[in-house]
């Protein structure tokens, strides 16, 4: 459907479109994509708009937060487990149980480290700072997080209440060795 000379450029643009982080960016980028290519490749753009921008439009990265961005994630995960941990051998159930816990612990720590940098986006209009967006897990659960509030305060979009300045953030550790922790699940 596309001229040979235009194919590489068009594929690069589609791949860039796929990297959209949210729906707003995807819609703007899609409009620019259609505007750029509608004169050069009208037949392809008509097909692409109907099939991939209208009917099946949930294929960009921002649709599935915290999910792998490949279509064969299960196979890839299984391959990593076999290569790094079981070495493609059958294990007795007791050994597999221990190994499964080790894998979960290791991957949990890696996952934690992967999300230590958060992206905060605030609207240009200072009065609409509550519409800010962050990619931290707390924001995805509550649609608000300390990062959005902190940036809004820092950029003078809002002011914290005076009572907030009286709240103690933390205390210094006492001198000496910390006391032993109490046994769990016992009535004290």
C-alpha atoms as a PDB file:
ATOM      1  CA  UNK A   1       0.000   0.000   0.000  1.00  0.00           C
ATOM      2  CA  UNK A   2       2.958   2.347   0.569  1.00  0.00           C
ATOM      3  CA  UNK A   3       5.658   3.391  -1.886  1.00  0.00           C
ATOM      4  CA  UNK A   4       8.975   1.678  -1.254  1.00  0.00           C
ATOM      5  CA  UNK A   5      10.759   5.011  -0.778  1.00  0.00           C
ATOM      6  CA  UNK A   6       8.307   6.049   1.996  1.00  0.00           C
ATOM      7  CA  UNK A   7       8.074   2.753   3.916  1.00  0.00           C
ATOM      8  CA  UNK A   8      10.975   3.225   6.331  1.00  0.00           C
ATOM      9  CA  UNK A   9       9.909   6.753   7.273  1.00  0.00           C
ATOM     10  CA  UNK A  10       6.289   5.661   7.757  1.00  0.00           C
ATOM     11  CA  UNK A  11       7.264   2.699   9.959  1.00  0.00           C
ATOM     12  CA  UNK A  12       9.416   5.017  12.106  1.00  0.00           C
ATOM     13  CA  UNK A  13       6.441   7.342  12.556  1.00  0.00           C
ATOM     14  CA  UNK A  14       4.142   4.454  13.542  1.00  0.00           C
ATOM     15  CA  UNK A  15       6.729   3.242  16.067  1.00  0.00           C
ATOM     16  CA  UNK A  16       6.966   6.763  17.498  1.00  0.00           C
ATOM     17  CA  UNK A  17       3.170   6.895  17.718  1.00  0.00           C
ATOM     18  CA  UNK A  18       3.199   3.640  19.675  1.00  0.00           C
ATOM     19  CA  UNK A  19       5.354   5.250  22.392  1.00  0.00           C
ATOM     20  CA  UNK A  20       2.601   7.698  23.463  1.00  0.00           C
ATOM     21  CA  UNK A  21       2.392   7.752  27.274  1.00  0.00           C
ATOM     22  CA  UNK A  22      -1.288   8.671  27.588  1.00  0.00           C
ATOM     23  CA  UNK A  23      -4.465   9.122  25.558  1.00  0.00           C
ATOM     24  CA  UNK A  24      -4.072  12.887  25.147  1.00  0.00           C
ATOM     25  CA  UNK A  25      -0.594  12.525  23.651  1.00  0.00           C
ATOM     26  CA  UNK A  26      -1.739   9.605  21.470  1.00  0.00           C
ATOM     27  CA  UNK A  27      -4.645  11.608  20.013  1.00  0.00           C
ATOM     28  CA  UNK A  28      -2.462  14.651  19.276  1.00  0.00           C
ATOM     29  CA  UNK A  29       0.286  12.508  17.750  1.00  0.00           C
ATOM     30  CA  UNK A  30      -2.293  10.559  15.690  1.00  0.00           C
ATOM     31  CA  UNK A  31      -3.698  13.785  14.274  1.00  0.00           C
ATOM     32  CA  UNK A  32      -0.214  14.978  13.317  1.00  0.00           C
ATOM     33  CA  UNK A  33       0.563  11.559  11.793  1.00  0.00           C
ATOM     34  CA  UNK A  34      -2.606  11.654   9.658  1.00  0.00           C
ATOM     35  CA  UNK A  35      -1.932  15.261   8.613  1.00  0.00           C
ATOM     36  CA  UNK A  36       1.628  14.390   7.554  1.00  0.00           C
ATOM     37  CA  UNK A  37       0.787  11.224   5.586  1.00  0.00           C
ATOM     38  CA  UNK A  38      -2.720  11.898   4.177  1.00  0.00           C
ATOM     39  CA  UNK A  39      -1.360  13.712   1.102  1.00  0.00           C
ATOM     40  CA  UNK A  40       1.525  11.293   0.457  1.00  0.00           C
ATOM     41  CA  UNK A  41      -0.281   7.980   1.121  1.00  0.00           C
ATOM     42  CA  UNK A  42      -4.072   8.565   1.168  1.00  0.00           C
ATOM     43  CA  UNK A  43      -5.030   4.872   0.712  1.00  0.00           C
ATOM     44  CA  UNK A  44      -2.856   3.736   3.597  1.00  0.00           C
ATOM     45  CA  UNK A  45      -4.034   6.573   5.861  1.00  0.00           C
ATOM     46  CA  UNK A  46      -7.684   5.719   5.179  1.00  0.00           C
ATOM     47  CA  UNK A  47      -7.016   2.077   6.142  1.00  0.00           C
ATOM     48  CA  UNK A  48      -4.865   3.062   9.164  1.00  0.00           C
ATOM     49  CA  UNK A  49      -7.466   5.511  10.483  1.00  0.00           C
ATOM     50  CA  UNK A  50     -10.330   3.033  10.196  1.00  0.00           C
ATOM     51  CA  UNK A  51      -8.460   0.029  11.552  1.00  0.00           C
ATOM     52  CA  UNK A  52      -5.873   1.350  14.042  1.00  0.00           C
ATOM     53  CA  UNK A  53      -7.062   4.789  15.121  1.00  0.00           C
ATOM     54  CA  UNK A  54     -10.813   4.106  15.371  1.00  0.00           C
ATOM     55  CA  UNK A  55     -11.596   0.392  15.701  1.00  0.00           C
ATOM     56  CA  UNK A  56      -8.484  -0.907  17.523  1.00  0.00           C
ATOM     57  CA  UNK A  57      -7.006   2.192  19.152  1.00  0.00           C
ATOM     58  CA  UNK A  58      -5.620   0.679  22.389  1.00  0.00           C
ATOM     59  CA  UNK A  59      -2.185  -0.303  21.082  1.00  0.00           C
ATOM     60  CA  UNK A  60       0.017   2.492  22.414  1.00  0.00           C
ATOM     61  CA  UNK A  61       2.250   2.189  25.491  1.00  0.00           C
ATOM     62  CA  UNK A  62       0.156   4.420  27.764  1.00  0.00           C
ATOM     63  CA  UNK A  63      -2.875   2.098  27.629  1.00  0.00           C
ATOM     64  CA  UNK A  64      -1.443  -0.576  29.925  1.00  0.00           C
ATOM     65  CA  UNK A  65       0.535   0.892  32.799  1.00  0.00           C
ATOM     66  CA  UNK A  66       2.757  -1.569  34.683  1.00  0.00           C
ATOM     67  CA  UNK A  67       2.337  -4.265  32.053  1.00  0.00           C
ATOM     68  CA  UNK A  68       4.985  -5.609  29.688  1.00  0.00           C
ATOM     69  CA  UNK A  69       4.969  -3.855  26.338  1.00  0.00           C
ATOM     70  CA  UNK A  70       5.392  -6.985  24.249  1.00  0.00           C
ATOM     71  CA  UNK A  71       2.681  -9.314  23.037  1.00  0.00           C
ATOM     72  CA  UNK A  72       4.560 -12.399  24.162  1.00  0.00           C
ATOM     73  CA  UNK A  73       5.380 -11.341  27.733  1.00  0.00           C
ATOM     74  CA  UNK A  74       4.411 -14.695  29.229  1.00  0.00           C
ATOM     75  CA  UNK A  75       6.804 -16.600  26.977  1.00  0.00           C
ATOM     76  CA  UNK A  76       9.581 -14.098  27.650  1.00  0.00           C
ATOM     77  CA  UNK A  77       9.083 -14.404  31.420  1.00  0.00           C
ATOM     78  CA  UNK A  78       9.038 -18.198  31.209  1.00  0.00           C
ATOM     79  CA  UNK A  79      12.255 -18.147  29.182  1.00  0.00           C
ATOM     80  CA  UNK A  80      14.011 -15.958  31.796  1.00  0.00           C
ATOM     81  CA  UNK A  81      12.945 -18.333  34.597  1.00  0.00           C
ATOM     82  CA  UNK A  82      14.291 -21.315  32.675  1.00  0.00           C
ATOM     83  CA  UNK A  83      17.582 -19.635  31.705  1.00  0.00           C
ATOM     84  CA  UNK A  84      18.442 -17.992  35.032  1.00  0.00           C
ATOM     85  CA  UNK A  85      16.899 -20.235  37.656  1.00  0.00           C
ATOM     86  CA  UNK A  86      15.805 -23.778  36.787  1.00  0.00           C
ATOM     87  CA  UNK A  87      18.358 -24.228  33.994  1.00  0.00           C
ATOM     88  CA  UNK A  88      15.640 -26.185  32.107  1.00  0.00           C
ATOM     89  CA  UNK A  89      15.656 -29.018  34.658  1.00  0.00           C
ATOM     90  CA  UNK A  90      12.729 -30.567  36.479  1.00  0.00           C
ATOM     91  CA  UNK A  91      12.960 -29.808  40.176  1.00  0.00           C
ATOM     92  CA  UNK A  92      11.482 -31.572  43.190  1.00  0.00           C
ATOM     93  CA  UNK A  93       8.516 -29.663  44.591  1.00  0.00           C
ATOM     94  CA  UNK A  94      10.377 -28.633  47.764  1.00  0.00           C
ATOM     95  CA  UNK A  95      13.267 -27.131  45.769  1.00  0.00           C
ATOM     96  CA  UNK A  96      10.902 -25.448  43.309  1.00  0.00           C
ATOM     97  CA  UNK A  97       9.000 -23.820  46.189  1.00  0.00           C
ATOM     98  CA  UNK A  98      12.210 -22.328  47.610  1.00  0.00           C
ATOM     99  CA  UNK A  99      13.286 -21.213  44.137  1.00  0.00           C
ATOM    100  CA  UNK A 100       9.899 -19.599  43.426  1.00  0.00           C
ATOM    101  CA  UNK A 101      10.168 -17.512  46.604  1.00  0.00           C
ATOM    102  CA  UNK A 102      13.704 -16.448  45.637  1.00  0.00           C
ATOM    103  CA  UNK A 103      12.515 -15.407  42.157  1.00  0.00           C
ATOM    104  CA  UNK A 104       9.627 -13.368  43.564  1.00  0.00           C
ATOM    105  CA  UNK A 105      11.904 -11.626  46.074  1.00  0.00           C
ATOM    106  CA  UNK A 106      14.542 -10.839  43.438  1.00  0.00           C
ATOM    107  CA  UNK A 107      12.035  -9.565  40.872  1.00  0.00           C
ATOM    108  CA  UNK A 108      10.175  -7.495  43.474  1.00  0.00           C
ATOM    109  CA  UNK A 109      13.369  -5.643  44.341  1.00  0.00           C
ATOM    110  CA  UNK A 110      14.142  -5.091  40.642  1.00  0.00           C
ATOM    111  CA  UNK A 111      10.592  -3.821  40.044  1.00  0.00           C
ATOM    112  CA  UNK A 112      10.892  -1.403  42.972  1.00  0.00           C
ATOM    113  CA  UNK A 113      14.136   0.027  41.589  1.00  0.00           C
ATOM    114  CA  UNK A 114      12.657   0.391  38.106  1.00  0.00           C
ATOM    115  CA  UNK A 115      10.108   2.936  39.328  1.00  0.00           C
ATOM    116  CA  UNK A 116      12.206   5.297  41.407  1.00  0.00           C
ATOM    117  CA  UNK A 117      11.947   8.190  38.936  1.00  0.00           C
ATOM    118  CA  UNK A 118       8.464   9.647  38.578  1.00  0.00           C
ATOM    119  CA  UNK A 119       7.210  11.854  35.794  1.00  0.00           C
ATOM    120  CA  UNK A 120       4.906  14.660  36.960  1.00  0.00           C
ATOM    121  CA  UNK A 121       2.911  16.720  34.464  1.00  0.00           C
ATOM    122  CA  UNK A 122       0.969  19.796  35.565  1.00  0.00           C
ATOM    123  CA  UNK A 123      -1.426  21.819  33.385  1.00  0.00           C
ATOM    124  CA  UNK A 124      -0.277  25.230  32.158  1.00  0.00           C
ATOM    125  CA  UNK A 125      -3.256  26.862  33.892  1.00  0.00           C
ATOM    126  CA  UNK A 126      -2.185  27.225  37.541  1.00  0.00           C
ATOM    127  CA  UNK A 127      -5.775  26.980  38.765  1.00  0.00           C
ATOM    128  CA  UNK A 128      -6.117  23.474  37.294  1.00  0.00           C
ATOM    129  CA  UNK A 129      -3.172  21.923  39.158  1.00  0.00           C
ATOM    130  CA  UNK A 130      -5.523  19.239  40.544  1.00  0.00           C
ATOM    131  CA  UNK A 131      -5.624  17.804  36.998  1.00  0.00           C
ATOM    132  CA  UNK A 132      -1.895  17.039  37.243  1.00  0.00           C
ATOM    133  CA  UNK A 133      -0.669  13.556  36.363  1.00  0.00           C
ATOM    134  CA  UNK A 134       2.107  11.345  37.782  1.00  0.00           C
ATOM    135  CA  UNK A 135       3.274   7.841  36.876  1.00  0.00           C
ATOM    136  CA  UNK A 136       3.806   6.640  40.457  1.00  0.00           C
ATOM    137  CA  UNK A 137       1.760   3.707  41.838  1.00  0.00           C
ATOM    138  CA  UNK A 138       0.024   5.913  44.421  1.00  0.00           C
ATOM    139  CA  UNK A 139      -1.335   8.171  41.665  1.00  0.00           C
ATOM    140  CA  UNK A 140      -2.732   5.220  39.720  1.00  0.00           C
ATOM    141  CA  UNK A 141      -4.661   4.097  42.817  1.00  0.00           C
ATOM    142  CA  UNK A 142      -5.912   7.463  44.119  1.00  0.00           C
ATOM    143  CA  UNK A 143      -5.515   9.792  41.089  1.00  0.00           C
ATOM    144  CA  UNK A 144      -3.497  12.115  43.352  1.00  0.00           C
ATOM    145  CA  UNK A 145      -0.076  11.787  44.958  1.00  0.00           C
ATOM    146  CA  UNK A 146       2.500  13.700  46.964  1.00  0.00           C
ATOM    147  CA  UNK A 147       4.537  14.337  43.805  1.00  0.00           C
ATOM    148  CA  UNK A 148       1.728  16.308  42.115  1.00  0.00           C
ATOM    149  CA  UNK A 149       0.976  18.247  45.316  1.00  0.00           C
ATOM    150  CA  UNK A 150       4.674  18.912  45.942  1.00  0.00           C
ATOM    151  CA  UNK A 151       5.280  20.206  42.431  1.00  0.00           C
ATOM    152  CA  UNK A 152       2.141  22.374  42.601  1.00  0.00           C
ATOM    153  CA  UNK A 153       3.393  23.916  45.845  1.00  0.00           C
ATOM    154  CA  UNK A 154       6.933  24.306  44.485  1.00  0.00           C
ATOM    155  CA  UNK A 155       5.690  26.063  41.329  1.00  0.00           C
ATOM    156  CA  UNK A 156       3.325  28.299  43.346  1.00  0.00           C
ATOM    157  CA  UNK A 157       0.193  26.764  41.802  1.00  0.00           C
ATOM    158  CA  UNK A 158      -1.207  26.436  45.331  1.00  0.00           C
ATOM    159  CA  UNK A 159      -0.221  27.168  48.920  1.00  0.00           C
ATOM    160  CA  UNK A 160      -0.159  24.631  51.742  1.00  0.00           C
ATOM    161  CA  UNK A 161      -2.345  25.439  54.750  1.00  0.00           C
ATOM    162  CA  UNK A 162      -0.468  27.067  57.655  1.00  0.00           C
ATOM    163  CA  UNK A 163      -1.294  24.082  59.887  1.00  0.00           C
ATOM    164  CA  UNK A 164       0.815  21.848  57.621  1.00  0.00           C
ATOM    165  CA  UNK A 165       3.970  23.640  58.740  1.00  0.00           C
ATOM    166  CA  UNK A 166       3.372  22.562  62.359  1.00  0.00           C
ATOM    167  CA  UNK A 167       3.306  18.837  61.567  1.00  0.00           C
ATOM    168  CA  UNK A 168       6.463  17.005  62.661  1.00  0.00           C
ATOM    169  CA  UNK A 169       8.054  15.117  59.790  1.00  0.00           C
ATOM    170  CA  UNK A 170      10.150  12.755  61.851  1.00  0.00           C
ATOM    171  CA  UNK A 171      12.280  12.446  64.932  1.00  0.00           C
ATOM    172  CA  UNK A 172      15.992  11.916  65.287  1.00  0.00           C
ATOM    173  CA  UNK A 173      17.069   8.459  66.325  1.00  0.00           C
ATOM    174  CA  UNK A 174      17.945   8.064  69.969  1.00  0.00           C
ATOM    175  CA  UNK A 175      21.536   7.357  70.886  1.00  0.00           C
ATOM    176  CA  UNK A 176      22.676   3.810  71.378  1.00  0.00           C
ATOM    177  CA  UNK A 177      21.606   0.480  70.039  1.00  0.00           C
ATOM    178  CA  UNK A 178      17.953   0.176  68.967  1.00  0.00           C
ATOM    179  CA  UNK A 179      15.784  -2.060  71.160  1.00  0.00           C
ATOM    180  CA  UNK A 180      15.042  -5.583  69.999  1.00  0.00           C
ATOM    181  CA  UNK A 181      11.872  -5.976  68.013  1.00  0.00           C
ATOM    182  CA  UNK A 182       8.967  -7.633  69.795  1.00  0.00           C
ATOM    183  CA  UNK A 183       7.827 -11.063  68.706  1.00  0.00           C
ATOM    184  CA  UNK A 184       5.070 -10.934  66.147  1.00  0.00           C
ATOM    185  CA  UNK A 185       1.598 -12.377  66.642  1.00  0.00           C
ATOM    186  CA  UNK A 186       1.878 -12.426  70.424  1.00  0.00           C
ATOM    187  CA  UNK A 187      -0.427 -10.457  72.661  1.00  0.00           C
ATOM    188  CA  UNK A 188       1.741  -7.943  74.466  1.00  0.00           C
END
